[in-house]
Amino acid sequence: MLIRRFYDSRLAQASYLVGCQRTGEALIIDPSRDIGQYRDAVKAEGLRLTHVTETHIHADFLSGSRELAKVAGAALLLSDEGGPDWRYAFASESGAVPLKDGSMFKVGNIRIAVLHTPGHTPEHLSFMVTDGATTDQPMGVFTGDFIFVGDVGRPDLLEKAAGVLGTMEAGARQLYASIQRFKDLPDYLQLWPGHGAGSACGKALGAVPSSTLGYERFANWAFTAPGEDAFVQMVLEGQPEPPAYFAQMKRLNRDGPPPRPTTRPERMADDKLRSLVAGGALVVDTRKTAEFAQGHVRGTLNIPFGNSFPTYAGSLLPYDRPLHLVVAEAHLADALTSLASIGLDQVAGWFGPEAVSGELDRTAQLSPQEAQAKVAAGEAVVLDVRKRSEWDEGHLAGAVHVPLGEVPAAVDGLPTGTTIIVHCESGSRSAIAASVLRARGRHDVANLKGGINAWIQAGLPVERGAPMAAGAAEVQAR
């Protein structure tokens, strides 16, 4: 048996190749839309792709299962658990094989036993693998978003991301029951999770790529919680805000993810950039925040290309408008792949960084002392765009709190006639938020250089307690 892990560091997402080297058959679990990497790997290993499956309806990336199975002529196997609202709407038309708790299928000599492990989502499956060529005992389990290294999948996404009210506690209790089911399985079982550190599908995921059930039993808090009620409270407490695009991914992955676009957007003439922006086009400048702050075309939005690029893009960009990129040609393919991974397919064209020329706007960068003086003089208000958990740990007195992903909805409700000083932990997210405000016509905006870290290092005070405003809805209400 052969197992190979694929990992998208920008989404902290893992997918897997399981191959029977004796018969040449292969299975892909939880593929992304970048299906070429799987076809290349299968070919390089001298295998043929015969099966494609996934653990659940994903919220954090757009699935490539349907497209990969179709292109490869492989069997598509999908969960038939979860009830009518969370079954795959496209399963029948795609000829998918329905999987239920207790189902079993074979990939050559490899036996895959299907376990229904709800909690993170109602339809969630885990796949227990036995290498039938050597033993009749299981080797490990692909746990998807059920058990991670050091954590378990969050049960609140249906409510917080998909808007299905009243499902958080029920999901948490389902998750607890699924964990109890694993307590009688052998310690030696390897666990291969669907995400790693940095994923928003949990709150404390480890960076180690795999674990064993025995290790998780004593190291993972979820296995040591003192009873169901305590587990429910612990798993729901402190979950981060889900990125705004999660709702879109849930809908598309349930109803039928479209194939990835095959045409490359055209490179635009440099002199078209200003006229496009003036005409209301959405232009995303992917240069580093420091470069953008030093000079940018007024009206462009800054989302720097890096590990968090797709998460920030999914949180801030609309899905119903075409967009243009300012991006180095060396990064173009990766940027398009990152956007496609979350279904942002409407890239109509791109410009090289050299198109950013002529008379440029600049974003003021204030030191902590300068920011404090402006606030004390009544010349500015502070906008904190960190997560709520970060806010709770300490914040600036009198600051308005709106997490980064909620800033576009909050713009019109922010105070006018004064400078808005934006801050985060170190200055990166706040620089993005400042570009959102400036692109929406708020030019009285400055960035706190170095964020709250620099503020604390300067010996300036922070406080704890309820925020003046805790999100877009509260800002609008003011």
Protein backbone atom coordinates (compact mmCIF):
# COMPACT_ATOMS: atom_id res chain seq x y z
CA MET A 1 0.00 0.00 0.00
CA LEU A 2 1.11 3.54 -0.78
CA ILE A 3 -0.09 6.71 0.96
CA ARG A 4 0.85 10.20 -0.18
CA ARG A 5 -0.23 13.48 1.42
CA PHE A 6 -0.86 16.70 -0.52
CA TYR A 7 -0.90 19.91 1.51
CA ASP A 8 -2.09 23.40 0.63
CA SER A 9 -0.29 25.59 3.17
CA ARG A 10 -2.45 28.62 2.34
CA LEU A 11 -5.61 26.83 3.46
CA ALA A 12 -3.88 24.36 5.80
CA GLN A 13 -5.76 21.65 3.87
CA ALA A 14 -4.65 18.06 3.32
CA SER A 15 -5.76 15.55 0.70
CA TYR A 16 -4.49 12.03 0.20
CA LEU A 17 -3.57 9.43 -2.40
CA VAL A 18 -4.06 5.80 -1.33
CA GLY A 19 -2.69 3.29 -3.83
CA CYS A 20 -2.56 -0.47 -4.12
CA GLN A 21 0.81 -1.13 -5.72
CA ARG A 22 -0.05 -4.74 -6.41
CA THR A 23 -3.12 -4.04 -8.59
CA GLY A 24 -2.28 -0.46 -9.66
CA GLU A 25 -5.55 1.04 -8.41
CA ALA A 26 -5.67 4.37 -6.58
CA LEU A 27 -8.03 6.48 -4.45
CA ILE A 28 -7.95 10.24 -3.83
CA ILE A 29 -9.53 11.57 -0.62
CA ASP A 30 -10.67 15.21 -0.26
CA PRO A 31 -9.19 16.64 -3.49
CA SER A 32 -9.06 20.38 -4.10
CA ARG A 33 -9.81 21.97 -7.48
CA ASP A 34 -6.14 21.73 -8.45
CA ILE A 35 -6.81 18.28 -9.87
CA GLY A 36 -3.70 18.17 -12.06
CA GLN A 37 -1.49 17.47 -9.03
CA TYR A 38 -3.38 14.25 -8.29
CA ARG A 39 -3.35 13.00 -11.87
CA ASP A 40 0.38 13.71 -12.09
CA ALA A 41 1.07 11.89 -8.83
CA VAL A 42 -0.99 8.84 -9.79
CA LYS A 43 0.86 8.64 -13.10
CA ALA A 44 4.27 9.09 -11.46
CA GLU A 45 3.52 6.18 -9.12
CA GLY A 46 2.52 3.93 -12.02
CA LEU A 47 -1.08 3.75 -10.81
CA ARG A 48 -4.49 4.46 -12.32
CA LEU A 49 -7.11 6.52 -10.54
CA THR A 50 -10.17 4.34 -9.89
CA HIS A 51 -11.89 5.99 -6.90
CA VAL A 52 -12.48 9.55 -5.63
CA THR A 53 -14.16 10.40 -2.34
CA GLU A 54 -14.35 13.04 0.37
CA THR A 55 -15.05 13.08 4.08
CA HIS A 56 -17.76 15.76 4.08
CA ILE A 57 -19.22 18.86 2.44
CA HIS A 58 -16.35 21.28 2.89
CA ALA A 59 -16.63 24.90 4.02
CA ASP A 60 -13.09 26.16 3.58
CA PHE A 61 -12.27 25.20 -0.02
CA LEU A 62 -14.04 24.26 -3.21
CA SER A 63 -13.98 20.52 -3.80
CA GLY A 64 -12.44 18.97 -6.89
CA SER A 65 -14.02 15.54 -6.34
CA ARG A 66 -16.68 15.71 -9.01
CA GLU A 67 -14.37 17.14 -11.67
CA LEU A 68 -11.50 14.77 -10.86
CA ALA A 69 -13.73 11.67 -10.99
CA LYS A 70 -15.23 12.78 -14.30
CA VAL A 71 -11.91 13.58 -15.97
CA ALA A 72 -10.26 10.38 -14.73
CA GLY A 73 -13.25 8.13 -15.34
CA ALA A 74 -13.11 7.09 -11.68
CA ALA A 75 -15.92 6.09 -9.34
CA LEU A 76 -17.20 8.99 -7.23
CA LEU A 77 -18.20 7.96 -3.71
CA LEU A 78 -20.09 10.45 -1.50
CA SER A 79 -21.74 10.47 1.90
CA ASP A 80 -25.42 9.58 1.99
CA GLU A 81 -25.70 10.48 5.67
CA GLY A 82 -26.78 13.75 7.28
CA GLY A 83 -30.44 13.94 6.29
CA PRO A 84 -32.05 15.67 3.28
CA ASP A 85 -30.57 19.13 3.91
CA TRP A 86 -26.95 17.95 3.91
CA ARG A 87 -26.84 15.34 1.20
CA TYR A 88 -25.00 16.08 -2.04
CA ALA A 89 -27.57 17.53 -4.43
CA PHE A 90 -25.53 16.47 -7.47
CA ALA A 91 -24.81 12.89 -6.35
CA SER A 92 -27.46 11.20 -8.49
CA GLU A 93 -26.75 13.09 -11.71
CA SER A 94 -23.01 12.45 -11.27
CA GLY A 95 -23.57 8.72 -10.78
CA ALA A 96 -22.03 8.84 -7.30
CA VAL A 97 -21.97 5.72 -5.14
CA PRO A 98 -23.74 6.52 -1.83
CA LEU A 99 -21.80 5.78 1.34
CA LYS A 100 -23.35 5.11 4.73
CA ASP A 101 -22.07 4.03 8.11
CA GLY A 102 -20.87 0.45 7.68
CA SER A 103 -20.31 0.72 3.93
CA MET A 104 -17.15 -0.86 2.57
CA PHE A 105 -15.29 -0.57 -0.72
CA LYS A 106 -11.99 -1.88 -2.03
CA VAL A 107 -9.16 -0.21 -3.91
CA GLY A 108 -7.26 -3.24 -5.15
CA ASN A 109 -6.31 -5.16 -2.02
CA ILE A 110 -6.98 -2.18 0.25
CA ARG A 111 -10.24 -2.31 2.19
CA ILE A 112 -11.91 0.98 3.14
CA ALA A 113 -14.51 0.80 5.92
CA VAL A 114 -16.86 3.79 6.18
CA LEU A 115 -17.63 5.29 9.59
CA HIS A 116 -20.28 7.98 10.04
CA THR A 117 -18.66 10.51 12.40
CA PRO A 118 -21.05 13.49 12.61
CA GLY A 119 -20.49 16.59 14.69
CA HIS A 120 -18.38 18.88 12.57
CA THR A 121 -21.07 18.37 9.92
CA PRO A 122 -24.09 16.02 9.91
CA GLU A 123 -22.88 13.98 6.91
CA HIS A 124 -19.23 13.63 7.95
CA LEU A 125 -17.50 10.30 7.24
CA SER A 126 -14.16 8.83 8.31
CA PHE A 127 -12.38 6.11 6.34
CA MET A 128 -10.69 3.19 8.11
CA VAL A 129 -7.99 1.58 5.97
CA THR A 130 -6.83 -2.05 6.01
CA ASP A 131 -4.00 -3.28 3.77
CA GLY A 132 -5.52 -6.63 2.84
CA ALA A 133 -2.31 -7.79 1.17
CA THR A 134 -0.58 -8.06 4.56
CA THR A 135 -3.19 -8.24 7.35
CA ASP A 136 -6.88 -8.27 8.20
CA GLN A 137 -6.43 -5.57 10.87
CA PRO A 138 -6.87 -1.84 10.15
CA MET A 139 -3.82 0.39 9.83
CA GLY A 140 -5.35 3.82 10.30
CA VAL A 141 -8.19 6.25 9.71
CA PHE A 142 -8.58 9.27 7.44
CA THR A 143 -10.47 11.50 9.86
CA GLY A 144 -11.17 14.55 7.69
CA ASP A 145 -12.42 17.34 9.97
CA PHE A 146 -13.40 15.00 12.81
CA ILE A 147 -10.18 14.39 14.76
CA PHE A 148 -7.18 16.64 14.20
CA VAL A 149 -3.77 16.51 15.84
CA GLY A 150 -4.50 18.07 19.23
CA ASP A 151 -8.05 19.15 18.45
CA VAL A 152 -11.38 18.18 16.89
CA GLY A 153 -13.51 19.78 14.20
CA ARG A 154 -15.66 22.70 15.24
CA PRO A 155 -19.41 21.97 15.39
CA ASP A 156 -20.59 25.56 15.01
CA LEU A 157 -19.99 26.18 11.31
CA LEU A 158 -23.48 25.20 10.13
CA GLU A 159 -24.88 27.90 12.37
CA LYS A 160 -22.19 30.57 12.09
CA ALA A 161 -21.23 30.12 8.43
CA ALA A 162 -24.24 28.52 6.75
CA GLY A 163 -26.89 30.23 8.90
CA VAL A 164 -28.63 27.03 10.06
CA LEU A 165 -29.79 28.25 13.45
CA GLY A 166 -29.88 26.04 16.51
CA THR A 167 -27.34 23.48 15.27
CA MET A 168 -24.25 24.32 17.36
CA GLU A 169 -25.11 22.45 20.55
CA ALA A 170 -26.66 19.52 18.69
CA GLY A 171 -23.52 19.25 16.57
CA ALA A 172 -21.32 19.39 19.66
CA ARG A 173 -23.25 16.51 21.22
CA GLN A 174 -22.99 14.50 18.01
CA LEU A 175 -19.26 15.16 17.99
CA TYR A 176 -18.96 13.91 21.55
CA ALA A 177 -20.78 10.70 20.61
CA SER A 178 -18.48 10.20 17.61
CA ILE A 179 -15.43 10.54 19.87
CA GLN A 180 -16.83 7.95 22.29
CA ARG A 181 -17.12 5.54 19.39
CA PHE A 182 -13.36 5.83 18.80
CA LYS A 183 -12.45 5.11 22.42
CA ASP A 184 -12.64 1.35 21.88
CA LEU A 185 -10.49 1.28 18.75
CA PRO A 186 -6.82 0.18 18.94
CA ASP A 187 -4.23 2.70 20.16
CA TYR A 188 -1.90 1.91 17.25
CA LEU A 189 -4.28 3.26 14.60
CA GLN A 190 -2.72 6.09 12.63
CA LEU A 191 -4.83 9.21 12.15
CA TRP A 192 -4.56 11.28 8.98
CA PRO A 193 -6.53 14.54 9.41
CA GLY A 194 -7.86 16.88 6.75
CA HIS A 195 -6.29 20.07 8.13
CA GLY A 196 -3.28 21.36 10.00
CA ALA A 197 -2.30 24.39 12.05
CA GLY A 198 -3.85 27.62 10.81
CA SER A 199 -7.12 26.17 9.59
CA ALA A 200 -10.34 27.87 10.71
CA CYS A 201 -12.03 24.44 10.93
CA GLY A 202 -10.82 24.16 14.55
CA LYS A 203 -9.27 26.39 17.17
CA ALA A 204 -6.02 24.67 18.23
CA LEU A 205 -4.86 22.36 15.45
CA GLY A 206 -1.35 20.96 15.69
CA ALA A 207 1.27 21.39 12.99
CA VAL A 208 2.29 17.71 13.00
CA PRO A 209 0.88 16.06 9.83
CA SER A 210 -0.41 12.86 11.49
CA SER A 211 -0.85 11.18 14.83
CA THR A 212 -2.06 7.96 16.44
CA LEU A 213 -5.28 7.34 18.27
CA GLY A 214 -3.36 6.32 21.38
CA TYR A 215 -1.44 9.59 21.45
CA GLU A 216 -4.57 11.67 20.94
CA ARG A 217 -6.28 9.84 23.79
CA PHE A 218 -3.93 11.43 26.32
CA ALA A 219 -2.79 14.57 24.47
CA ASN A 220 -5.99 15.81 22.81
CA TRP A 221 -8.26 17.78 25.15
CA ALA A 222 -11.38 16.36 23.47
CA PHE A 223 -10.63 12.84 24.74
CA THR A 224 -10.07 13.99 28.30
CA ALA A 225 -13.11 16.26 28.74
CA PRO A 226 -14.94 15.27 31.98
CA GLY A 227 -18.30 14.39 30.44
CA GLU A 228 -20.60 15.44 27.63
CA ASP A 229 -21.80 18.78 29.04
CA ALA A 230 -18.25 19.88 29.78
CA PHE A 231 -17.17 18.85 26.28
CA VAL A 232 -20.01 20.85 24.69
CA GLN A 233 -19.01 23.97 26.60
CA MET A 234 -15.31 23.51 25.85
CA VAL A 235 -15.69 22.83 22.13
CA LEU A 236 -17.97 25.83 21.53
CA GLU A 237 -15.96 28.25 23.64
CA GLY A 238 -13.47 30.49 21.87
CA GLN A 239 -14.07 29.33 18.30
CA PRO A 240 -12.71 31.90 15.81
CA GLU A 241 -14.99 33.81 13.45
CA PRO A 242 -15.43 31.74 10.29
CA PRO A 243 -14.27 33.55 7.14
CA ALA A 244 -17.14 35.05 5.18
CA TYR A 245 -16.60 32.81 2.17
CA PHE A 246 -17.38 29.63 4.13
CA ALA A 247 -21.12 30.03 3.46
CA GLN A 248 -20.45 30.19 -0.28
CA MET A 249 -18.26 27.07 -0.17
CA LYS A 250 -20.88 25.11 1.78
CA ARG A 251 -23.54 25.93 -0.79
CA LEU A 252 -21.39 25.21 -3.85
CA ASN A 253 -19.93 21.99 -2.46
CA ARG A 254 -23.39 20.71 -1.56
CA ASP A 255 -25.14 21.76 -4.77
CA GLY A 256 -22.31 21.04 -7.21
CA PRO A 257 -18.90 22.74 -7.51
CA PRO A 258 -18.24 24.05 -11.03
CA PRO A 259 -15.16 22.98 -12.98
CA ARG A 260 -12.16 25.24 -12.66
CA PRO A 261 -11.78 27.81 -15.49
CA THR A 262 -9.29 26.82 -18.15
CA THR A 263 -8.69 30.22 -19.79
CA ARG A 264 -5.93 32.50 -18.52
CA PRO A 265 -6.92 36.16 -17.94
CA GLU A 266 -5.33 38.68 -20.27
CA ARG A 267 -2.56 41.04 -19.30
CA MET A 268 -3.87 44.58 -19.45
CA ALA A 269 -2.00 47.61 -20.74
CA ASP A 270 -0.48 49.62 -17.89
CA ASP A 271 -2.30 52.80 -18.89
CA LYS A 272 -5.69 51.10 -18.45
CA LEU A 273 -5.34 50.68 -14.67
CA ARG A 274 -6.51 54.15 -13.62
CA SER A 275 -9.43 54.24 -16.02
CA LEU A 276 -10.60 50.82 -14.86
CA VAL A 277 -10.57 51.92 -11.23
CA ALA A 278 -12.24 55.22 -12.09
CA GLY A 279 -14.98 53.28 -13.84
CA GLY A 280 -15.72 51.31 -10.68
CA ALA A 281 -13.82 48.10 -11.47
CA LEU A 282 -12.59 45.96 -8.58
CA VAL A 283 -8.78 45.91 -8.65
CA VAL A 284 -6.79 43.93 -6.08
CA ASP A 285 -3.17 44.97 -5.59
CA THR A 286 -1.27 41.89 -4.34
CA ARG A 287 1.97 43.67 -3.45
CA LYS A 288 3.26 43.62 0.14
CA THR A 289 1.49 45.93 2.57
CA ALA A 290 4.57 48.13 3.01
CA GLU A 291 4.88 48.62 -0.76
CA PHE A 292 1.19 49.42 -1.07
CA ALA A 293 1.37 51.93 1.80
CA GLN A 294 4.25 53.73 0.10
CA GLY A 295 2.29 54.23 -3.11
CA HIS A 296 -0.84 52.85 -4.77
CA VAL A 297 -3.48 53.84 -7.27
CA ARG A 298 -6.41 55.37 -5.42
CA GLY A 299 -9.36 52.99 -5.27
CA THR A 300 -7.38 49.74 -5.42
CA LEU A 301 -7.64 47.16 -2.65
CA ASN A 302 -4.56 45.62 -1.05
CA ILE A 303 -4.55 41.87 -0.35
CA PRO A 304 -0.88 40.85 -0.30
CA PHE A 305 0.00 37.56 -1.93
CA GLY A 306 1.15 35.16 0.76
CA ASN A 307 -0.03 32.30 2.93
CA SER A 308 -3.22 34.08 4.01
CA PHE A 309 -4.09 35.35 0.52
CA PRO A 310 -7.10 33.07 -0.18
CA THR A 311 -8.52 33.51 3.33
CA TYR A 312 -8.38 37.30 3.14
CA ALA A 313 -9.66 37.30 -0.45
CA GLY A 314 -12.60 35.09 0.49
CA SER A 315 -13.40 37.33 3.43
CA LEU A 316 -13.28 40.61 1.55
CA LEU A 317 -14.08 40.05 -2.13
CA PRO A 318 -17.57 39.62 -3.61
CA TYR A 319 -18.38 36.53 -5.65
CA ASP A 320 -20.71 38.33 -8.06
CA ARG A 321 -18.24 40.80 -9.63
CA PRO A 322 -15.28 40.42 -11.99
CA LEU A 323 -11.94 41.48 -10.58
CA HIS A 324 -8.52 42.48 -11.85
CA LEU A 325 -5.17 41.82 -10.19
CA VAL A 326 -1.98 43.78 -9.79
CA VAL A 327 0.49 40.94 -9.46
CA ALA A 328 4.04 39.99 -10.40
CA GLU A 329 3.98 37.59 -13.36
CA ALA A 330 6.01 35.09 -11.35
CA HIS A 331 3.14 34.89 -8.84
CA LEU A 332 0.24 34.99 -11.29
CA ALA A 333 -0.34 31.25 -11.65
CA ASP A 334 -0.20 30.69 -7.89
CA ALA A 335 -2.50 33.63 -7.25
CA LEU A 336 -5.07 32.30 -9.73
CA THR A 337 -4.85 28.83 -8.17
CA SER A 338 -5.36 30.31 -4.70
CA LEU A 339 -8.41 32.28 -5.82
CA ALA A 340 -9.80 29.27 -7.68
CA SER A 341 -9.38 27.13 -4.57
CA ILE A 342 -12.19 29.12 -2.96
CA GLY A 343 -14.24 29.67 -6.11
CA LEU A 344 -13.17 33.23 -6.97
CA ASP A 345 -13.07 32.54 -10.70
CA GLN A 346 -14.00 35.90 -12.21
CA VAL A 347 -10.48 37.25 -12.80
CA ALA A 348 -10.98 39.36 -15.89
CA GLY A 349 -7.40 40.59 -16.33
CA TRP A 350 -4.15 41.48 -14.61
CA PHE A 351 -1.49 44.18 -14.46
CA GLY A 352 2.17 43.94 -13.56
CA PRO A 353 3.39 46.02 -10.56
CA GLU A 354 4.92 48.52 -12.99
CA ALA A 355 1.39 49.70 -13.80
CA VAL A 356 1.39 51.37 -10.37
CA SER A 357 3.00 54.62 -11.42
CA GLY A 358 2.45 58.35 -11.71
CA GLU A 359 0.67 60.26 -8.93
CA LEU A 360 0.03 57.77 -6.14
CA ASP A 361 -1.84 57.67 -2.85
CA ARG A 362 -0.07 56.78 0.38
CA THR A 363 -1.36 55.37 3.64
CA ALA A 364 -0.09 57.20 6.72
CA GLN A 365 1.85 55.02 9.14
CA LEU A 366 1.64 56.25 12.74
CA SER A 367 3.85 55.25 15.65
CA PRO A 368 2.08 54.29 18.90
CA GLN A 369 3.01 57.65 20.42
CA GLU A 370 1.64 59.55 17.41
CA ALA A 371 -1.57 57.53 17.46
CA GLN A 372 -2.06 58.07 21.20
CA ALA A 373 -1.55 61.82 20.82
CA LYS A 374 -4.14 62.09 18.02
CA VAL A 375 -6.71 60.09 20.00
CA ALA A 376 -6.06 62.14 23.17
CA ALA A 377 -6.57 65.35 21.18
CA GLY A 378 -9.91 64.11 19.84
CA GLU A 379 -8.56 63.99 16.30
CA ALA A 380 -8.92 60.25 15.72
CA VAL A 381 -10.71 57.04 16.67
CA VAL A 382 -9.13 53.59 16.74
CA LEU A 383 -10.50 50.67 14.71
CA ASP A 384 -9.34 47.26 15.94
CA VAL A 385 -9.69 44.59 13.20
CA ARG A 386 -8.37 41.58 15.14
CA LYS A 387 -10.37 38.48 16.07
CA ARG A 388 -12.69 38.63 19.05
CA SER A 389 -10.45 36.27 21.03
CA GLU A 390 -7.54 38.67 20.49
CA TRP A 391 -9.69 41.61 21.58
CA ASP A 392 -10.63 39.82 24.79
CA GLU A 393 -6.96 39.36 25.66
CA GLY A 394 -6.39 43.12 25.58
CA HIS A 395 -7.32 46.20 23.55
CA LEU A 396 -6.96 49.94 23.35
CA ALA A 397 -9.35 51.96 25.50
CA GLY A 398 -12.23 53.41 23.47
CA ALA A 399 -11.41 51.42 20.35
CA VAL A 400 -14.12 50.25 17.96
CA HIS A 401 -13.88 46.52 17.25
CA VAL A 402 -14.73 45.11 13.81
CA PRO A 403 -12.93 41.89 12.71
CA LEU A 404 -11.25 42.24 9.33
CA GLY A 405 -13.79 40.16 7.40
CA GLU A 406 -16.63 42.39 8.61
CA VAL A 407 -14.99 45.71 7.70
CA PRO A 408 -16.64 46.06 4.23
CA ALA A 409 -20.11 45.86 5.80
CA ALA A 410 -19.18 48.31 8.55
CA VAL A 411 -17.66 51.14 6.47
CA ASP A 412 -20.76 53.32 6.26
CA GLY A 413 -21.36 53.12 10.01
CA LEU A 414 -17.90 54.24 11.11
CA PRO A 415 -17.42 57.72 12.58
CA THR A 416 -16.92 60.55 10.06
CA GLY A 417 -15.10 63.83 10.33
CA THR A 418 -12.15 62.27 12.12
CA THR A 419 -9.12 60.14 11.30
CA ILE A 420 -9.58 56.39 11.64
CA ILE A 421 -6.45 54.70 12.97
CA VAL A 422 -6.61 51.00 12.10
CA HIS A 423 -4.69 48.38 14.03
CA CYS A 424 -4.29 44.61 14.40
CA GLU A 425 -1.60 42.54 16.12
CA SER A 426 1.41 43.51 14.02
CA GLY A 427 0.16 45.82 11.27
CA SER A 428 -0.61 43.46 8.36
CA ARG A 429 -4.38 42.93 8.69
CA SER A 430 -4.85 46.58 9.60
CA ALA A 431 -3.05 47.63 6.42
CA ILE A 432 -5.51 45.52 4.41
CA ALA A 433 -8.44 47.03 6.33
CA ALA A 434 -7.10 50.53 5.70
CA SER A 435 -7.05 49.79 1.96
CA VAL A 436 -10.68 48.64 2.16
CA LEU A 437 -11.68 51.91 3.81
CA ARG A 438 -9.68 54.02 1.35
CA ALA A 439 -11.10 52.11 -1.63
CA ARG A 440 -14.56 52.96 -0.29
CA GLY A 441 -13.77 56.67 -0.19
CA ARG A 442 -12.54 57.06 3.41
CA HIS A 443 -9.20 58.77 2.90
CA ASP A 444 -8.83 60.00 6.49
CA VAL A 445 -7.30 56.66 7.42
CA ALA A 446 -3.97 55.75 9.00
CA ASN A 447 -2.34 52.46 10.01
CA LEU A 448 -0.86 51.85 13.46
CA LYS A 449 2.65 50.77 12.58
CA GLY A 450 3.55 47.53 14.34
CA GLY A 451 0.01 47.07 15.67
CA ILE A 452 -0.85 46.43 19.30
CA ASN A 453 2.49 44.64 19.72
CA ALA A 454 4.30 47.93 19.13
CA TRP A 455 1.79 49.72 21.38
CA ILE A 456 2.55 47.36 24.28
CA GLN A 457 6.30 47.50 23.65
CA ALA A 458 6.05 51.29 23.91
CA GLY A 459 4.64 50.88 27.42
CA LEU A 460 1.20 52.20 26.52
CA PRO A 461 -1.90 50.85 28.32
CA VAL A 462 -4.40 48.22 27.18
CA GLU A 463 -7.60 47.11 28.87
CA ARG A 464 -10.00 44.18 28.91
CA GLY A 465 -13.79 44.13 28.74
CA ALA A 466 -16.75 44.52 26.39
CA PRO A 467 -16.02 46.39 23.13
CA MET A 468 -17.68 49.64 22.09
CA ALA A 469 -18.70 47.74 18.97
CA ALA A 470 -18.14 44.07 18.23
CA GLY A 471 -18.72 43.70 14.53
CA ALA A 472 -20.38 45.20 11.50
CA ALA A 473 -23.93 44.87 12.84
CA GLU A 474 -23.15 46.87 15.96
CA VAL A 475 -21.32 49.56 14.02
CA GLN A 476 -24.27 49.94 11.67
CA ALA A 477 -26.62 50.17 14.65
CA ARG A 478 -24.71 53.11 16.05
